[in-house]
Amino acid sequence: MNYTIRWTERAKQDVQNIIDFILVHWESAIVSNFLDLIDVKIGFILKNPYQNMISKHYTNSRKIIIHTHITLFYTIDEDLNEVILLSFFDTRQNPNKI
């Protein structure tokens, strides 16, 4: 089955916040690496969205590690053949912020 990706506003904002943080502390090449990692992991999800761990933080969601400190939470809508990106979370934060 072929799935499409749908980004929630929160997921978009999370990625922008991470990019802003990277630009303050590192260089723009790191942003490119980070965005490449996201593309690779989304590719893995699209091939088999059920392969990743079930998450307890969102109802009917799964999670995949993007980078050491960044986890992507997503859900699957079988009716629409969509993978919905819910949020990108910096795991160094308090988990209650998820």
N, C-alpha and C. Protein backbone atom coordinates (compact mmCIF):
# COMPACT_ATOMS: atom_id res chain seq x y z
N MET A 1 0.84 -1.17 0.00
CA MET A 1 0.00 0.00 0.00
C MET A 1 0.89 1.24 0.00
N ASN A 2 0.52 2.21 -0.80
CA ASN A 2 1.26 3.46 -0.86
C ASN A 2 0.65 4.49 0.08
N TYR A 3 1.49 5.07 0.90
CA TYR A 3 1.06 6.09 1.84
C TYR A 3 1.60 7.45 1.42
N THR A 4 0.89 8.49 1.82
CA THR A 4 1.39 9.85 1.66
C THR A 4 1.65 10.42 3.06
N ILE A 5 2.40 11.49 3.09
CA ILE A 5 2.75 12.15 4.35
C ILE A 5 1.89 13.40 4.52
N ARG A 6 1.38 13.58 5.73
CA ARG A 6 0.70 14.83 6.08
C ARG A 6 1.37 15.39 7.34
N TRP A 7 1.83 16.62 7.24
CA TRP A 7 2.47 17.30 8.35
C TRP A 7 1.42 18.07 9.15
N THR A 8 1.40 17.91 10.46
CA THR A 8 0.57 18.76 11.29
C THR A 8 1.29 20.09 11.49
N GLU A 9 0.55 21.09 11.89
CA GLU A 9 1.16 22.40 12.17
C GLU A 9 2.19 22.27 13.29
N ARG A 10 1.89 21.44 14.27
CA ARG A 10 2.84 21.26 15.37
C ARG A 10 4.14 20.66 14.86
N ALA A 11 4.07 19.65 14.00
CA ALA A 11 5.29 19.04 13.47
C ALA A 11 6.11 20.06 12.69
N LYS A 12 5.44 20.87 11.88
CA LYS A 12 6.14 21.91 11.12
C LYS A 12 6.83 22.90 12.06
N GLN A 13 6.12 23.31 13.11
CA GLN A 13 6.68 24.27 14.06
C GLN A 13 7.83 23.66 14.84
N ASP A 14 7.70 22.38 15.21
CA ASP A 14 8.79 21.70 15.92
C ASP A 14 10.06 21.69 15.09
N VAL A 15 9.92 21.35 13.81
CA VAL A 15 11.11 21.32 12.93
C VAL A 15 11.70 22.71 12.79
N GLN A 16 10.86 23.72 12.64
CA GLN A 16 11.38 25.08 12.53
C GLN A 16 12.12 25.50 13.81
N ASN A 17 11.58 25.12 14.95
CA ASN A 17 12.26 25.44 16.22
C ASN A 17 13.61 24.75 16.32
N ILE A 18 13.68 23.52 15.88
CA ILE A 18 14.95 22.79 15.89
C ILE A 18 15.95 23.45 14.95
N ILE A 19 15.49 23.82 13.77
CA ILE A 19 16.36 24.50 12.80
C ILE A 19 16.87 25.82 13.38
N ASP A 20 16.00 26.58 13.99
CA ASP A 20 16.42 27.84 14.61
C ASP A 20 17.48 27.61 15.67
N PHE A 21 17.30 26.58 16.47
CA PHE A 21 18.28 26.24 17.51
C PHE A 21 19.62 25.87 16.89
N ILE A 22 19.58 25.04 15.86
CA ILE A 22 20.82 24.62 15.18
C ILE A 22 21.55 25.83 14.64
N LEU A 23 20.84 26.74 14.01
CA LEU A 23 21.47 27.91 13.40
C LEU A 23 22.13 28.82 14.44
N VAL A 24 21.57 28.86 15.64
CA VAL A 24 22.17 29.67 16.69
C VAL A 24 23.46 29.04 17.20
N HIS A 25 23.48 27.71 17.29
CA HIS A 25 24.59 27.02 17.93
C HIS A 25 25.60 26.38 16.97
N TRP A 26 25.20 26.14 15.74
CA TRP A 26 26.08 25.50 14.78
C TRP A 26 25.99 26.22 13.44
N GLU A 27 26.27 25.52 12.38
CA GLU A 27 26.27 26.14 11.05
C GLU A 27 25.15 25.56 10.19
N SER A 28 24.91 26.21 9.07
CA SER A 28 23.80 25.82 8.21
C SER A 28 23.97 24.41 7.61
N ALA A 29 25.20 23.93 7.50
CA ALA A 29 25.41 22.57 6.98
C ALA A 29 24.77 21.54 7.90
N ILE A 30 24.73 21.83 9.18
CA ILE A 30 24.10 20.91 10.13
C ILE A 30 22.59 20.87 9.90
N VAL A 31 22.01 21.99 9.52
CA VAL A 31 20.58 22.02 9.19
C VAL A 31 20.32 21.10 8.00
N SER A 32 21.16 21.17 6.99
CA SER A 32 20.99 20.30 5.81
C SER A 32 21.08 18.84 6.21
N ASN A 33 22.04 18.51 7.07
CA ASN A 33 22.17 17.12 7.55
C ASN A 33 20.91 16.69 8.29
N PHE A 34 20.39 17.56 9.13
CA PHE A 34 19.18 17.26 9.90
C PHE A 34 17.99 17.02 8.97
N LEU A 35 17.82 17.89 7.99
CA LEU A 35 16.71 17.72 7.05
C LEU A 35 16.86 16.46 6.21
N ASP A 36 18.10 16.11 5.87
CA ASP A 36 18.35 14.85 5.16
C ASP A 36 17.95 13.65 6.02
N LEU A 37 18.28 13.71 7.32
CA LEU A 37 17.89 12.63 8.23
C LEU A 37 16.37 12.48 8.29
N ILE A 38 15.68 13.60 8.34
CA ILE A 38 14.21 13.54 8.35
C ILE A 38 13.71 12.86 7.08
N ASP A 39 14.25 13.24 5.93
CA ASP A 39 13.82 12.63 4.67
C ASP A 39 14.06 11.13 4.65
N VAL A 40 15.22 10.70 5.14
CA VAL A 40 15.55 9.27 5.18
C VAL A 40 14.58 8.53 6.08
N LYS A 41 14.34 9.06 7.27
CA LYS A 41 13.44 8.39 8.22
C LYS A 41 12.01 8.36 7.70
N ILE A 42 11.56 9.42 7.06
CA ILE A 42 10.22 9.41 6.47
C ILE A 42 10.15 8.36 5.37
N GLY A 43 11.22 8.20 4.62
CA GLY A 43 11.28 7.14 3.61
C GLY A 43 11.10 5.76 4.24
N PHE A 44 11.76 5.53 5.38
CA PHE A 44 11.59 4.26 6.10
C PHE A 44 10.14 4.06 6.52
N ILE A 45 9.55 5.13 7.04
CA ILE A 45 8.16 5.05 7.50
C ILE A 45 7.23 4.73 6.33
N LEU A 46 7.44 5.38 5.20
CA LEU A 46 6.55 5.16 4.05
C LEU A 46 6.63 3.72 3.53
N LYS A 47 7.80 3.11 3.65
CA LYS A 47 7.95 1.72 3.20
C LYS A 47 7.18 0.76 4.09
N ASN A 48 7.19 1.02 5.39
CA ASN A 48 6.48 0.16 6.32
C ASN A 48 6.17 0.95 7.59
N PRO A 49 5.04 1.63 7.61
CA PRO A 49 4.74 2.51 8.75
C PRO A 49 4.55 1.77 10.07
N TYR A 50 4.32 0.47 10.02
CA TYR A 50 4.09 -0.28 11.25
C TYR A 50 5.36 -0.88 11.85
N GLN A 51 6.50 -0.62 11.24
CA GLN A 51 7.74 -1.22 11.71
C GLN A 51 8.29 -0.58 12.99
N ASN A 52 7.86 0.63 13.30
CA ASN A 52 8.44 1.35 14.43
C ASN A 52 7.64 1.14 15.71
N MET A 53 8.27 1.50 16.81
CA MET A 53 7.70 1.27 18.14
C MET A 53 6.39 2.03 18.35
N ILE A 54 5.48 1.38 19.05
CA ILE A 54 4.24 2.04 19.46
C ILE A 54 4.59 3.03 20.57
N SER A 55 3.97 4.19 20.51
CA SER A 55 4.23 5.24 21.50
C SER A 55 3.10 5.31 22.51
N LYS A 56 3.46 5.57 23.74
CA LYS A 56 2.43 5.74 24.78
C LYS A 56 2.01 7.20 24.92
N HIS A 57 2.66 8.10 24.19
CA HIS A 57 2.42 9.53 24.37
C HIS A 57 1.24 10.06 23.55
N TYR A 58 0.94 9.42 22.45
CA TYR A 58 -0.20 9.81 21.62
C TYR A 58 -1.03 8.55 21.36
N THR A 59 -2.34 8.70 21.29
CA THR A 59 -3.22 7.57 21.01
C THR A 59 -2.93 7.02 19.61
N ASN A 60 -2.79 5.71 19.52
CA ASN A 60 -2.57 5.03 18.24
C ASN A 60 -1.39 5.61 17.46
N SER A 61 -0.31 5.90 18.14
CA SER A 61 0.83 6.49 17.45
C SER A 61 2.06 5.60 17.56
N ARG A 62 3.02 5.95 16.73
CA ARG A 62 4.31 5.27 16.71
C ARG A 62 5.40 6.31 16.76
N LYS A 63 6.62 5.84 16.99
CA LYS A 63 7.74 6.78 17.06
C LYS A 63 8.96 6.18 16.40
N ILE A 64 9.78 7.09 15.87
CA ILE A 64 11.04 6.72 15.25
C ILE A 64 12.08 7.76 15.66
N ILE A 65 13.27 7.29 15.95
CA ILE A 65 14.35 8.20 16.33
C ILE A 65 14.93 8.82 15.07
N ILE A 66 14.92 10.14 15.02
CA ILE A 66 15.50 10.87 13.88
C ILE A 66 16.99 11.06 14.10
N HIS A 67 17.34 11.44 15.30
CA HIS A 67 18.72 11.69 15.70
C HIS A 67 18.80 11.36 17.19
N THR A 68 19.97 11.33 17.72
CA THR A 68 20.15 10.95 19.11
C THR A 68 19.15 11.60 20.05
N HIS A 69 18.85 12.87 19.85
CA HIS A 69 17.97 13.59 20.76
C HIS A 69 16.63 14.00 20.16
N ILE A 70 16.32 13.54 18.96
CA ILE A 70 15.07 13.94 18.30
C ILE A 70 14.26 12.69 17.93
N THR A 71 13.03 12.65 18.41
CA THR A 71 12.11 11.56 18.10
C THR A 71 10.91 12.12 17.36
N LEU A 72 10.51 11.42 16.31
CA LEU A 72 9.32 11.78 15.54
C LEU A 72 8.17 10.88 15.97
N PHE A 73 7.04 11.51 16.31
CA PHE A 73 5.82 10.78 16.62
C PHE A 73 4.87 10.92 15.44
N TYR A 74 4.25 9.80 15.07
CA TYR A 74 3.34 9.83 13.93
C TYR A 74 2.21 8.83 14.14
N THR A 75 1.17 9.00 13.36
CA THR A 75 0.05 8.07 13.37
C THR A 75 -0.28 7.70 11.92
N ILE A 76 -1.06 6.66 11.78
CA ILE A 76 -1.38 6.14 10.44
C ILE A 76 -2.89 6.19 10.25
N ASP A 77 -3.33 6.80 9.16
CA ASP A 77 -4.74 6.83 8.81
C ASP A 77 -4.93 5.89 7.61
N GLU A 78 -5.40 4.69 7.90
CA GLU A 78 -5.58 3.68 6.86
C GLU A 78 -6.65 4.07 5.85
N ASP A 79 -7.68 4.78 6.30
CA ASP A 79 -8.76 5.18 5.40
C ASP A 79 -8.26 6.11 4.30
N LEU A 80 -7.33 6.98 4.65
CA LEU A 80 -6.79 7.95 3.69
C LEU A 80 -5.41 7.57 3.16
N ASN A 81 -4.88 6.42 3.62
CA ASN A 81 -3.52 5.99 3.26
C ASN A 81 -2.50 7.09 3.55
N GLU A 82 -2.61 7.66 4.76
CA GLU A 82 -1.72 8.74 5.17
C GLU A 82 -0.95 8.37 6.42
N VAL A 83 0.28 8.86 6.45
CA VAL A 83 1.07 8.89 7.67
C VAL A 83 1.06 10.34 8.11
N ILE A 84 0.60 10.57 9.33
CA ILE A 84 0.45 11.93 9.84
C ILE A 84 1.56 12.19 10.85
N LEU A 85 2.41 13.16 10.52
CA LEU A 85 3.51 13.52 11.41
C LEU A 85 2.96 14.42 12.50
N LEU A 86 3.03 13.95 13.74
CA LEU A 86 2.43 14.67 14.86
C LEU A 86 3.38 15.67 15.50
N SER A 87 4.59 15.22 15.82
CA SER A 87 5.55 16.12 16.45
C SER A 87 6.96 15.56 16.40
N PHE A 88 7.91 16.47 16.47
CA PHE A 88 9.32 16.14 16.59
C PHE A 88 9.72 16.60 17.99
N PHE A 89 10.19 15.68 18.81
CA PHE A 89 10.44 16.01 20.21
C PHE A 89 11.91 15.85 20.55
N ASP A 90 12.47 16.87 21.19
CA ASP A 90 13.83 16.82 21.70
C ASP A 90 13.78 16.06 23.02
N THR A 91 14.37 14.88 23.04
CA THR A 91 14.26 13.98 24.19
C THR A 91 15.02 14.47 25.42
N ARG A 92 15.75 15.56 25.29
CA ARG A 92 16.42 16.13 26.47
C ARG A 92 15.44 16.95 27.31
N GLN A 93 14.25 17.18 26.77
CA GLN A 93 13.23 17.94 27.48
C GLN A 93 12.44 17.01 28.42
N ASN A 94 11.65 17.62 29.27
CA ASN A 94 10.76 16.90 30.14
C ASN A 94 9.72 16.17 29.28
N PRO A 95 9.56 14.87 29.44
CA PRO A 95 8.60 14.13 28.61
C PRO A 95 7.15 14.60 28.77
N ASN A 96 6.85 15.32 29.83
CA ASN A 96 5.50 15.85 30.00
C ASN A 96 5.18 16.93 28.97
N LYS A 97 6.19 17.43 28.26
CA LYS A 97 5.98 18.44 27.23
C LYS A 97 5.53 17.86 25.90
N ILE A 98 5.56 16.55 25.79
CA ILE A 98 5.19 15.91 24.52
C ILE A 98 3.75 16.20 24.20
